[in-house]
Amino acid sequence: MVCADRWYPSSKRCSACGEINAKLTLSDRLFVCACGFRTDRDLNAAVNLALWAATHQQDFLRSPDLPAGGRVINARRREGADRHPGVGETIADDAGTPSHPVRV
């Protein structure tokens, strides 16, 4: 998911020509542009946000805050954490059985 800045004019920008209609108010439900384009205000905003996301998603994919990829390793693992059961096989933890021997 990518997020546009909260002040991005998605409702006021014409999705056909890019012109910004500064006179558009919250009570206006129809977007009308000087270029002649007319559409529902929310639909216009949705198209603008989709176009914005398509042109900016690469910026987010290169963000240094995202993990570099590769295997994620937990700092502390339980015994047997790497063991994966085969098809139809149940491991002790799944069955509610202690994973260590119990004296009877």
PDB file of N, CA and C in Angstrom:
ATOM      1  N   MET A   1       0.846  -1.164   0.000  1.00  0.00           N
ATOM      2  CA  MET A   1       0.000   0.000   0.000  1.00  0.00           C
ATOM      3  C   MET A   1       0.897   1.234   0.000  1.00  0.00           C
ATOM      4  N   VAL A   2       0.523   2.190  -0.801  1.00  0.00           N
ATOM      5  CA  VAL A   2       1.212   3.475  -0.813  1.00  0.00           C
ATOM      6  C   VAL A   2       0.224   4.537  -0.368  1.00  0.00           C
ATOM      7  N   CYS A   3       0.710   5.541   0.324  1.00  0.00           N
ATOM      8  CA  CYS A   3      -0.166   6.593   0.851  1.00  0.00           C
ATOM      9  C   CYS A   3       0.237   7.938   0.284  1.00  0.00           C
ATOM     10  N   ALA A   4      -0.738   8.623  -0.281  1.00  0.00           N
ATOM     11  CA  ALA A   4      -0.506   9.985  -0.763  1.00  0.00           C
ATOM     12  C   ALA A   4      -0.524  10.932   0.429  1.00  0.00           C
ATOM     13  N   ASP A   5       0.149  12.042   0.295  1.00  0.00           N
ATOM     14  CA  ASP A   5       0.126  13.081   1.317  1.00  0.00           C
ATOM     15  C   ASP A   5      -1.318  13.504   1.566  1.00  0.00           C
ATOM     16  N   ARG A   6      -1.651  13.805   2.799  1.00  0.00           N
ATOM     17  CA  ARG A   6      -3.041  14.148   3.129  1.00  0.00           C
ATOM     18  C   ARG A   6      -3.527  15.381   2.382  1.00  0.00           C
ATOM     19  N   TRP A   7      -2.626  16.228   1.899  1.00  0.00           N
ATOM     20  CA  TRP A   7      -3.023  17.448   1.193  1.00  0.00           C
ATOM     21  C   TRP A   7      -2.981  17.274  -0.325  1.00  0.00           C
ATOM     22  N   TYR A   8      -2.719  16.065  -0.806  1.00  0.00           N
ATOM     23  CA  TYR A   8      -2.745  15.829  -2.252  1.00  0.00           C
ATOM     24  C   TYR A   8      -4.154  16.129  -2.756  1.00  0.00           C
ATOM     25  N   PRO A   9      -4.300  16.973  -3.781  1.00  0.00           N
ATOM     26  CA  PRO A   9      -5.637  17.403  -4.230  1.00  0.00           C
ATOM     27  C   PRO A   9      -6.349  16.369  -5.103  1.00  0.00           C
ATOM     28  N   SER A  10      -6.582  15.185  -4.575  1.00  0.00           N
ATOM     29  CA  SER A  10      -7.180  14.112  -5.375  1.00  0.00           C
ATOM     30  C   SER A  10      -8.585  14.450  -5.858  1.00  0.00           C
ATOM     31  N   SER A  11      -9.361  15.164  -5.056  1.00  0.00           N
ATOM     32  CA  SER A  11     -10.723  15.527  -5.458  1.00  0.00           C
ATOM     33  C   SER A  11     -10.738  16.730  -6.385  1.00  0.00           C
ATOM     34  N   LYS A  12      -9.796  17.630  -6.218  1.00  0.00           N
ATOM     35  CA  LYS A  12      -9.801  18.887  -6.975  1.00  0.00           C
ATOM     36  C   LYS A  12      -9.031  18.817  -8.289  1.00  0.00           C
ATOM     37  N   ARG A  13      -8.203  17.789  -8.477  1.00  0.00           N
ATOM     38  CA  ARG A  13      -7.420  17.655  -9.714  1.00  0.00           C
ATOM     39  C   ARG A  13      -8.257  16.919 -10.757  1.00  0.00           C
ATOM     40  N   CYS A  14      -8.287  17.450 -11.954  1.00  0.00           N
ATOM     41  CA  CYS A  14      -9.025  16.807 -13.045  1.00  0.00           C
ATOM     42  C   CYS A  14      -8.263  15.558 -13.472  1.00  0.00           C
ATOM     43  N   SER A  15      -8.921  14.420 -13.448  1.00  0.00           N
ATOM     44  CA  SER A  15      -8.256  13.170 -13.833  1.00  0.00           C
ATOM     45  C   SER A  15      -8.092  13.063 -15.348  1.00  0.00           C
ATOM     46  N   ALA A  16      -8.707  13.989 -16.107  1.00  0.00           N
ATOM     47  CA  ALA A  16      -8.565  13.993 -17.562  1.00  0.00           C
ATOM     48  C   ALA A  16      -7.401  14.871 -18.017  1.00  0.00           C
ATOM     49  N   CYS A  17      -7.294  16.099 -17.453  1.00  0.00           N
ATOM     50  CA  CYS A  17      -6.263  17.031 -17.929  1.00  0.00           C
ATOM     51  C   CYS A  17      -5.246  17.433 -16.863  1.00  0.00           C
ATOM     52  N   GLY A  18      -5.529  17.176 -15.584  1.00  0.00           N
ATOM     53  CA  GLY A  18      -4.593  17.512 -14.516  1.00  0.00           C
ATOM     54  C   GLY A  18      -4.790  18.886 -13.903  1.00  0.00           C
ATOM     55  N   GLU A  19      -5.664  19.696 -14.478  1.00  0.00           N
ATOM     56  CA  GLU A  19      -5.943  21.034 -13.943  1.00  0.00           C
ATOM     57  C   GLU A  19      -6.589  20.912 -12.562  1.00  0.00           C
ATOM     58  N   ILE A  20      -6.280  21.847 -11.657  1.00  0.00           N
ATOM     59  CA  ILE A  20      -6.858  21.826 -10.314  1.00  0.00           C
ATOM     60  C   ILE A  20      -8.002  22.826 -10.232  1.00  0.00           C
ATOM     61  N   ASN A  21      -9.163  22.345  -9.776  1.00  0.00           N
ATOM     62  CA  ASN A  21     -10.350  23.185  -9.591  1.00  0.00           C
ATOM     63  C   ASN A  21     -10.368  23.643  -8.134  1.00  0.00           C
ATOM     64  N   ALA A  22      -9.751  24.792  -7.863  1.00  0.00           N
ATOM     65  CA  ALA A  22      -9.631  25.301  -6.492  1.00  0.00           C
ATOM     66  C   ALA A  22     -10.978  25.709  -5.905  1.00  0.00           C
ATOM     67  N   LYS A  23     -11.980  25.918  -6.746  1.00  0.00           N
ATOM     68  CA  LYS A  23     -13.297  26.360  -6.269  1.00  0.00           C
ATOM     69  C   LYS A  23     -14.171  25.203  -5.783  1.00  0.00           C
ATOM     70  N   LEU A  24     -13.759  23.973  -5.993  1.00  0.00           N
ATOM     71  CA  LEU A  24     -14.554  22.809  -5.588  1.00  0.00           C
ATOM     72  C   LEU A  24     -14.654  22.753  -4.065  1.00  0.00           C
ATOM     73  N   THR A  25     -15.866  22.622  -3.551  1.00  0.00           N
ATOM     74  CA  THR A  25     -16.082  22.540  -2.103  1.00  0.00           C
ATOM     75  C   THR A  25     -16.526  21.133  -1.726  1.00  0.00           C
ATOM     76  N   LEU A  26     -16.564  20.845  -0.430  1.00  0.00           N
ATOM     77  CA  LEU A  26     -17.001  19.525   0.033  1.00  0.00           C
ATOM     78  C   LEU A  26     -18.450  19.235  -0.335  1.00  0.00           C
ATOM     79  N   SER A  27     -19.261  20.260  -0.465  1.00  0.00           N
ATOM     80  CA  SER A  27     -20.674  20.045  -0.804  1.00  0.00           C
ATOM     81  C   SER A  27     -20.874  19.760  -2.291  1.00  0.00           C
ATOM     82  N   ASP A  28     -19.875  20.037  -3.123  1.00  0.00           N
ATOM     83  CA  ASP A  28     -19.973  19.743  -4.559  1.00  0.00           C
ATOM     84  C   ASP A  28     -19.762  18.249  -4.779  1.00  0.00           C
ATOM     85  N   ARG A  29     -20.784  17.554  -5.248  1.00  0.00           N
ATOM     86  CA  ARG A  29     -20.679  16.114  -5.475  1.00  0.00           C
ATOM     87  C   ARG A  29     -20.275  15.792  -6.910  1.00  0.00           C
ATOM     88  N   LEU A  30     -20.370  16.774  -7.792  1.00  0.00           N
ATOM     89  CA  LEU A  30     -20.010  16.590  -9.198  1.00  0.00           C
ATOM     90  C   LEU A  30     -18.748  17.396  -9.487  1.00  0.00           C
ATOM     91  N   PHE A  31     -17.742  16.745 -10.054  1.00  0.00           N
ATOM     92  CA  PHE A  31     -16.525  17.450 -10.446  1.00  0.00           C
ATOM     93  C   PHE A  31     -16.721  17.937 -11.868  1.00  0.00           C
ATOM     94  N   VAL A  32     -16.531  19.241 -12.077  1.00  0.00           N
ATOM     95  CA  VAL A  32     -16.646  19.841 -13.406  1.00  0.00           C
ATOM     96  C   VAL A  32     -15.364  20.622 -13.676  1.00  0.00           C
ATOM     97  N   CYS A  33     -14.717  20.325 -14.799  1.00  0.00           N
ATOM     98  CA  CYS A  33     -13.466  20.990 -15.154  1.00  0.00           C
ATOM     99  C   CYS A  33     -13.684  21.921 -16.344  1.00  0.00           C
ATOM    100  N   ALA A  34     -12.826  22.929 -16.454  1.00  0.00           N
ATOM    101  CA  ALA A  34     -12.881  23.872 -17.580  1.00  0.00           C
ATOM    102  C   ALA A  34     -12.626  23.166 -18.913  1.00  0.00           C
ATOM    103  N   CYS A  35     -11.966  21.996 -18.882  1.00  0.00           N
ATOM    104  CA  CYS A  35     -11.703  21.254 -20.120  1.00  0.00           C
ATOM    105  C   CYS A  35     -12.954  20.548 -20.639  1.00  0.00           C
ATOM    106  N   GLY A  36     -14.036  20.571 -19.840  1.00  0.00           N
ATOM    107  CA  GLY A  36     -15.283  19.938 -20.248  1.00  0.00           C
ATOM    108  C   GLY A  36     -15.526  18.582 -19.596  1.00  0.00           C
ATOM    109  N   PHE A  37     -14.547  18.075 -18.879  1.00  0.00           N
ATOM    110  CA  PHE A  37     -14.690  16.781 -18.207  1.00  0.00           C
ATOM    111  C   PHE A  37     -15.604  16.914 -16.998  1.00  0.00           C
ATOM    112  N   ARG A  38     -16.551  15.967 -16.860  1.00  0.00           N
ATOM    113  CA  ARG A  38     -17.488  15.948 -15.731  1.00  0.00           C
ATOM    114  C   ARG A  38     -17.583  14.525 -15.204  1.00  0.00           C
ATOM    115  N   THR A  39     -17.552  14.386 -13.878  1.00  0.00           N
ATOM    116  CA  THR A  39     -17.686  13.065 -13.266  1.00  0.00           C
ATOM    117  C   THR A  39     -18.024  13.224 -11.789  1.00  0.00           C
ATOM    118  N   ASP A  40     -18.369  12.127 -11.154  1.00  0.00           N
ATOM    119  CA  ASP A  40     -18.602  12.120  -9.715  1.00  0.00           C
ATOM    120  C   ASP A  40     -17.311  12.519  -9.004  1.00  0.00           C
ATOM    121  N   ARG A  41     -17.436  13.347  -7.993  1.00  0.00           N
ATOM    122  CA  ARG A  41     -16.269  13.849  -7.254  1.00  0.00           C
ATOM    123  C   ARG A  41     -15.424  12.706  -6.683  1.00  0.00           C
ATOM    124  N   ASP A  42     -16.070  11.707  -6.064  1.00  0.00           N
ATOM    125  CA  ASP A  42     -15.344  10.595  -5.445  1.00  0.00           C
ATOM    126  C   ASP A  42     -14.675   9.702  -6.486  1.00  0.00           C
ATOM    127  N   LEU A  43     -15.338   9.496  -7.608  1.00  0.00           N
ATOM    128  CA  LEU A  43     -14.748   8.704  -8.686  1.00  0.00           C
ATOM    129  C   LEU A  43     -13.514   9.420  -9.237  1.00  0.00           C
ATOM    130  N   ASN A  44     -13.609  10.732  -9.406  1.00  0.00           N
ATOM    131  CA  ASN A  44     -12.469  11.523  -9.870  1.00  0.00           C
ATOM    132  C   ASN A  44     -11.291  11.376  -8.904  1.00  0.00           C
ATOM    133  N   ALA A  45     -11.580  11.466  -7.606  1.00  0.00           N
ATOM    134  CA  ALA A  45     -10.528  11.327  -6.593  1.00  0.00           C
ATOM    135  C   ALA A  45      -9.906   9.932  -6.640  1.00  0.00           C
ATOM    136  N   ALA A  46     -10.729   8.899  -6.808  1.00  0.00           N
ATOM    137  CA  ALA A  46     -10.226   7.523  -6.862  1.00  0.00           C
ATOM    138  C   ALA A  46      -9.298   7.324  -8.058  1.00  0.00           C
ATOM    139  N   VAL A  47      -9.677   7.860  -9.201  1.00  0.00           N
ATOM    140  CA  VAL A  47      -8.830   7.749 -10.397  1.00  0.00           C
ATOM    141  C   VAL A  47      -7.510   8.479 -10.171  1.00  0.00           C
ATOM    142  N   ASN A  48      -7.585   9.676  -9.602  1.00  0.00           N
ATOM    143  CA  ASN A  48      -6.360  10.439  -9.329  1.00  0.00           C
ATOM    144  C   ASN A  48      -5.440   9.706  -8.362  1.00  0.00           C
ATOM    145  N   LEU A  49      -6.000   9.106  -7.326  1.00  0.00           N
ATOM    146  CA  LEU A  49      -5.178   8.372  -6.356  1.00  0.00           C
ATOM    147  C   LEU A  49      -4.563   7.118  -6.982  1.00  0.00           C
ATOM    148  N   ALA A  50      -5.319   6.451  -7.845  1.00  0.00           N
ATOM    149  CA  ALA A  50      -4.779   5.273  -8.534  1.00  0.00           C
ATOM    150  C   ALA A  50      -3.625   5.673  -9.454  1.00  0.00           C
ATOM    151  N   LEU A  51      -3.784   6.780 -10.163  1.00  0.00           N
ATOM    152  CA  LEU A  51      -2.714   7.274 -11.032  1.00  0.00           C
ATOM    153  C   LEU A  51      -1.498   7.692 -10.208  1.00  0.00           C
ATOM    154  N   TRP A  52      -1.743   8.338  -9.089  1.00  0.00           N
ATOM    155  CA  TRP A  52      -0.647   8.764  -8.217  1.00  0.00           C
ATOM    156  C   TRP A  52       0.116   7.545  -7.702  1.00  0.00           C
ATOM    157  N   ALA A  53      -0.613   6.536  -7.238  1.00  0.00           N
ATOM    158  CA  ALA A  53       0.025   5.326  -6.705  1.00  0.00           C
ATOM    159  C   ALA A  53       0.851   4.622  -7.778  1.00  0.00           C
ATOM    160  N   ALA A  54       0.323   4.556  -8.990  1.00  0.00           N
ATOM    161  CA  ALA A  54       1.033   3.884 -10.078  1.00  0.00           C
ATOM    162  C   ALA A  54       2.347   4.581 -10.412  1.00  0.00           C
ATOM    163  N   THR A  55       2.391   5.897 -10.269  1.00  0.00           N
ATOM    164  CA  THR A  55       3.617   6.628 -10.595  1.00  0.00           C
ATOM    165  C   THR A  55       4.572   6.753  -9.416  1.00  0.00           C
ATOM    166  N   HIS A  56       4.117   6.462  -8.196  1.00  0.00           N
ATOM    167  CA  HIS A  56       4.967   6.629  -7.019  1.00  0.00           C
ATOM    168  C   HIS A  56       5.330   5.332  -6.307  1.00  0.00           C
ATOM    169  N   GLN A  57       4.800   4.192  -6.728  1.00  0.00           N
ATOM    170  CA  GLN A  57       5.056   2.963  -5.994  1.00  0.00           C
ATOM    171  C   GLN A  57       6.533   2.576  -6.025  1.00  0.00           C
ATOM    172  N   GLN A  58       7.256   2.902  -7.074  1.00  0.00           N
ATOM    173  CA  GLN A  58       8.684   2.582  -7.130  1.00  0.00           C
ATOM    174  C   GLN A  58       9.456   3.319  -6.044  1.00  0.00           C
ATOM    175  N   ASP A  59       9.013   4.535  -5.688  1.00  0.00           N
ATOM    176  CA  ASP A  59       9.665   5.282  -4.608  1.00  0.00           C
ATOM    177  C   ASP A  59       9.573   4.512  -3.299  1.00  0.00           C
ATOM    178  N   PHE A  60       8.440   3.872  -3.072  1.00  0.00           N
ATOM    179  CA  PHE A  60       8.236   3.143  -1.824  1.00  0.00           C
ATOM    180  C   PHE A  60       8.962   1.804  -1.839  1.00  0.00           C
ATOM    181  N   LEU A  61       9.089   1.198  -3.004  1.00  0.00           N
ATOM    182  CA  LEU A  61       9.790  -0.080  -3.094  1.00  0.00           C
ATOM    183  C   LEU A  61      11.277   0.092  -2.816  1.00  0.00           C
ATOM    184  N   ARG A  62      11.818   1.282  -3.069  1.00  0.00           N
ATOM    185  CA  ARG A  62      13.225   1.554  -2.823  1.00  0.00           C
ATOM    186  C   ARG A  62      13.465   2.193  -1.464  1.00  0.00           C
ATOM    187  N   SER A  63      12.445   2.313  -0.660  1.00  0.00           N
ATOM    188  CA  SER A  63      12.563   2.984   0.633  1.00  0.00           C
ATOM    189  C   SER A  63      13.552   2.253   1.537  1.00  0.00           C
ATOM    190  N   PRO A  64      14.472   2.983   2.180  1.00  0.00           N
ATOM    191  CA  PRO A  64      15.432   2.327   3.071  1.00  0.00           C
ATOM    192  C   PRO A  64      14.788   1.773   4.340  1.00  0.00           C
ATOM    193  N   ASP A  65      13.547   2.139   4.622  1.00  0.00           N
ATOM    194  CA  ASP A  65      12.877   1.639   5.813  1.00  0.00           C
ATOM    195  C   ASP A  65      12.356   0.219   5.631  1.00  0.00           C
ATOM    196  N   LEU A  66      12.284  -0.241   4.386  1.00  0.00           N
ATOM    197  CA  LEU A  66      11.767  -1.580   4.125  1.00  0.00           C
ATOM    198  C   LEU A  66      12.893  -2.602   4.270  1.00  0.00           C
ATOM    199  N   PRO A  67      12.557  -3.846   4.662  1.00  0.00           N
ATOM    200  CA  PRO A  67      13.578  -4.884   4.786  1.00  0.00           C
ATOM    201  C   PRO A  67      14.268  -5.131   3.447  1.00  0.00           C
ATOM    202  N   ALA A  68      15.519  -5.499   3.496  1.00  0.00           N
ATOM    203  CA  ALA A  68      16.296  -5.714   2.284  1.00  0.00           C
ATOM    204  C   ALA A  68      15.936  -7.023   1.598  1.00  0.00           C
ATOM    205  N   GLY A  69      15.184  -7.865   2.241  1.00  0.00           N
ATOM    206  CA  GLY A  69      14.826  -9.147   1.663  1.00  0.00           C
ATOM    207  C   GLY A  69      15.663 -10.253   2.278  1.00  0.00           C
ATOM    208  N   GLY A  70      15.481 -11.443   1.791  1.00  0.00           N
ATOM    209  CA  GLY A  70      16.212 -12.571   2.346  1.00  0.00           C
ATOM    210  C   GLY A  70      15.437 -13.218   3.476  1.00  0.00           C
ATOM    211  N   ARG A  71      16.053 -14.216   4.073  1.00  0.00           N
ATOM    212  CA  ARG A  71      15.405 -14.990   5.127  1.00  0.00           C
ATOM    213  C   ARG A  71      15.341 -14.198   6.427  1.00  0.00           C
ATOM    214  N   VAL A  72      14.192 -14.191   7.055  1.00  0.00           N
ATOM    215  CA  VAL A  72      14.029 -13.537   8.344  1.00  0.00           C
ATOM    216  C   VAL A  72      14.351 -14.554   9.419  1.00  0.00           C
ATOM    217  N   ILE A  73      15.254 -14.206  10.311  1.00  0.00           N
ATOM    218  CA  ILE A  73      15.674 -15.119  11.368  1.00  0.00           C
ATOM    219  C   ILE A  73      15.286 -14.522  12.707  1.00  0.00           C
ATOM    220  N   ASN A  74      14.537 -15.284  13.490  1.00  0.00           N
ATOM    221  CA  ASN A  74      14.176 -14.836  14.831  1.00  0.00           C
ATOM    222  C   ASN A  74      15.402 -14.914  15.722  1.00  0.00           C
ATOM    223  N   ALA A  75      15.506 -13.994  16.666  1.00  0.00           N
ATOM    224  CA  ALA A  75      16.648 -13.978  17.571  1.00  0.00           C
ATOM    225  C   ALA A  75      16.629 -15.184  18.497  1.00  0.00           C
ATOM    226  N   ARG A  76      15.459 -15.664  18.833  1.00  0.00           N
ATOM    227  CA  ARG A  76      15.341 -16.788  19.759  1.00  0.00           C
ATOM    228  C   ARG A  76      14.302 -17.756  19.211  1.00  0.00           C
ATOM    229  N   ARG A  77      14.682 -19.009  19.096  1.00  0.00           N
ATOM    230  CA  ARG A  77      13.762 -20.009  18.567  1.00  0.00           C
ATOM    231  C   ARG A  77      13.490 -21.083  19.601  1.00  0.00           C
ATOM    232  N   ARG A  78      12.299 -21.627  19.513  1.00  0.00           N
ATOM    233  CA  ARG A  78      11.980 -22.781  20.356  1.00  0.00           C
ATOM    234  C   ARG A  78      12.662 -23.999  19.766  1.00  0.00           C
ATOM    235  N   GLU A  79      12.881 -24.988  20.603  1.00  0.00           N
ATOM    236  CA  GLU A  79      13.465 -26.231  20.133  1.00  0.00           C
ATOM    237  C   GLU A  79      12.533 -26.841  19.089  1.00  0.00           C
ATOM    238  N   GLY A  80      13.084 -27.235  17.972  1.00  0.00           N
ATOM    239  CA  GLY A  80      12.281 -27.845  16.919  1.00  0.00           C
ATOM    240  C   GLY A  80      11.553 -26.846  16.043  1.00  0.00           C
ATOM    241  N   ALA A  81      11.888 -25.558  16.146  1.00  0.00           N
ATOM    242  CA  ALA A  81      11.177 -24.539  15.374  1.00  0.00           C
ATOM    243  C   ALA A  81      11.391 -24.694  13.875  1.00  0.00           C
ATOM    244  N   ASP A  82      12.507 -25.312  13.478  1.00  0.00           N
ATOM    245  CA  ASP A  82      12.782 -25.486  12.055  1.00  0.00           C
ATOM    246  C   ASP A  82      12.118 -26.724  11.466  1.00  0.00           C
ATOM    247  N   ARG A  83      11.551 -27.574  12.309  1.00  0.00           N
ATOM    248  CA  ARG A  83      10.951 -28.812  11.830  1.00  0.00           C
ATOM    249  C   ARG A  83       9.569 -28.540  11.252  1.00  0.00           C
ATOM    250  N   HIS A  84       9.359 -28.981  10.025  1.00  0.00           N
ATOM    251  CA  HIS A  84       8.059 -28.825   9.378  1.00  0.00           C
ATOM    252  C   HIS A  84       7.463 -30.205   9.145  1.00  0.00           C
ATOM    253  N   PRO A  85       6.228 -30.432   9.583  1.00  0.00           N
ATOM    254  CA  PRO A  85       5.620 -31.751   9.410  1.00  0.00           C
ATOM    255  C   PRO A  85       5.324 -32.042   7.942  1.00  0.00           C
ATOM    256  N   GLY A  86       5.341 -33.331   7.619  1.00  0.00           N
ATOM    257  CA  GLY A  86       4.968 -33.747   6.282  1.00  0.00           C
ATOM    258  C   GLY A  86       3.450 -33.776   6.153  1.00  0.00           C
ATOM    259  N   VAL A  87       2.970 -34.093   4.973  1.00  0.00           N
ATOM    260  CA  VAL A  87       1.532 -34.159   4.734  1.00  0.00           C
ATOM    261  C   VAL A  87       0.916 -35.221   5.629  1.00  0.00           C
ATOM    262  N   GLY A  88      -0.099 -34.870   6.392  1.00  0.00           N
ATOM    263  CA  GLY A  88      -0.790 -35.799   7.269  1.00  0.00           C
ATOM    264  C   GLY A  88      -0.068 -36.073   8.576  1.00  0.00           C
ATOM    265  N   GLU A  89       1.084 -35.453   8.792  1.00  0.00           N
ATOM    266  CA  GLU A  89       1.865 -35.673  10.003  1.00  0.00           C
ATOM    267  C   GLU A  89       1.594 -34.550  10.999  1.00  0.00           C
ATOM    268  N   THR A  90       1.527 -34.890  12.268  1.00  0.00           N
ATOM    269  CA  THR A  90       1.317 -33.902  13.324  1.00  0.00           C
ATOM    270  C   THR A  90       2.546 -33.880  14.209  1.00  0.00           C
ATOM    271  N   ILE A  91       3.034 -32.680  14.518  1.00  0.00           N
ATOM    272  CA  ILE A  91       4.158 -32.595  15.441  1.00  0.00           C
ATOM    273  C   ILE A  91       3.606 -32.473  16.853  1.00  0.00           C
ATOM    274  N   ALA A  92       4.435 -32.727  17.844  1.00  0.00           N
ATOM    275  CA  ALA A  92       3.992 -32.780  19.241  1.00  0.00           C
ATOM    276  C   ALA A  92       3.275 -31.511  19.683  1.00  0.00           C
ATOM    277  N   ASP A  93       3.792 -30.349  19.336  1.00  0.00           N
ATOM    278  CA  ASP A  93       3.164 -29.093  19.762  1.00  0.00           C
ATOM    279  C   ASP A  93       1.749 -28.949  19.204  1.00  0.00           C
ATOM    280  N   ASP A  94       1.526 -29.408  17.969  1.00  0.00           N
ATOM    281  CA  ASP A  94       0.194 -29.322  17.369  1.00  0.00           C
ATOM    282  C   ASP A  94      -0.805 -30.210  18.093  1.00  0.00           C
ATOM    283  N   ALA A  95      -0.327 -31.324  18.616  1.00  0.00           N
ATOM    284  CA  ALA A  95      -1.216 -32.275  19.274  1.00  0.00           C
ATOM    285  C   ALA A  95      -1.423 -31.941  20.746  1.00  0.00           C
ATOM    286  N   GLY A  96      -0.751 -30.907  21.238  1.00  0.00           N
ATOM    287  CA  GLY A  96      -0.871 -30.541  22.648  1.00  0.00           C
ATOM    288  C   GLY A  96      -0.020 -31.416  23.545  1.00  0.00           C
ATOM    289  N   THR A  97       0.907 -32.153  22.957  1.00  0.00           N
ATOM    290  CA  THR A  97       1.787 -33.046  23.702  1.00  0.00           C
ATOM    291  C   THR A  97       3.088 -32.321  24.004  1.00  0.00           C
ATOM    292  N   PRO A  98       3.601 -32.436  25.236  1.00  0.00           N
ATOM    293  CA  PRO A  98       4.881 -31.790  25.538  1.00  0.00           C
ATOM    294  C   PRO A  98       5.961 -32.308  24.599  1.00  0.00           C
ATOM    295  N   SER A  99       6.869 -31.447  24.183  1.00  0.00           N
ATOM    296  CA  SER A  99       7.903 -31.858  23.237  1.00  0.00           C
ATOM    297  C   SER A  99       9.122 -32.451  23.924  1.00  0.00           C
ATOM    298  N   HIS A 100       9.076 -32.625  25.240  1.00  0.00           N
ATOM    299  CA  HIS A 100      10.180 -33.252  25.966  1.00  0.00           C
ATOM    300  C   HIS A 100       9.658 -34.530  26.622  1.00  0.00           C
ATOM    301  N   PRO A 101      10.540 -35.494  26.893  1.00  0.00           N
ATOM    302  CA  PRO A 101      10.095 -36.757  27.496  1.00  0.00           C
ATOM    303  C   PRO A 101       9.490 -36.525  28.886  1.00  0.00           C
ATOM    304  N   VAL A 102       8.478 -37.297  29.200  1.00  0.00           N
ATOM    305  CA  VAL A 102       7.810 -37.202  30.501  1.00  0.00           C
ATOM    306  C   VAL A 102       7.943 -38.550  31.194  1.00  0.00           C
ATOM    307  N   ARG A 103       8.367 -38.548  32.467  1.00  0.00           N
ATOM    308  CA  ARG A 103       8.453 -39.803  33.227  1.00  0.00           C
ATOM    309  C   ARG A 103       7.064 -40.184  33.699  1.00  0.00           C
ATOM    310  N   VAL A 104       6.767 -41.460  33.601  1.00  0.00           N
ATOM    311  CA  VAL A 104       5.451 -41.955  34.023  1.00  0.00           C
ATOM    312  C   VAL A 104       5.593 -42.839  35.222  1.00  0.00           C
TER     313      VAL A 104
END
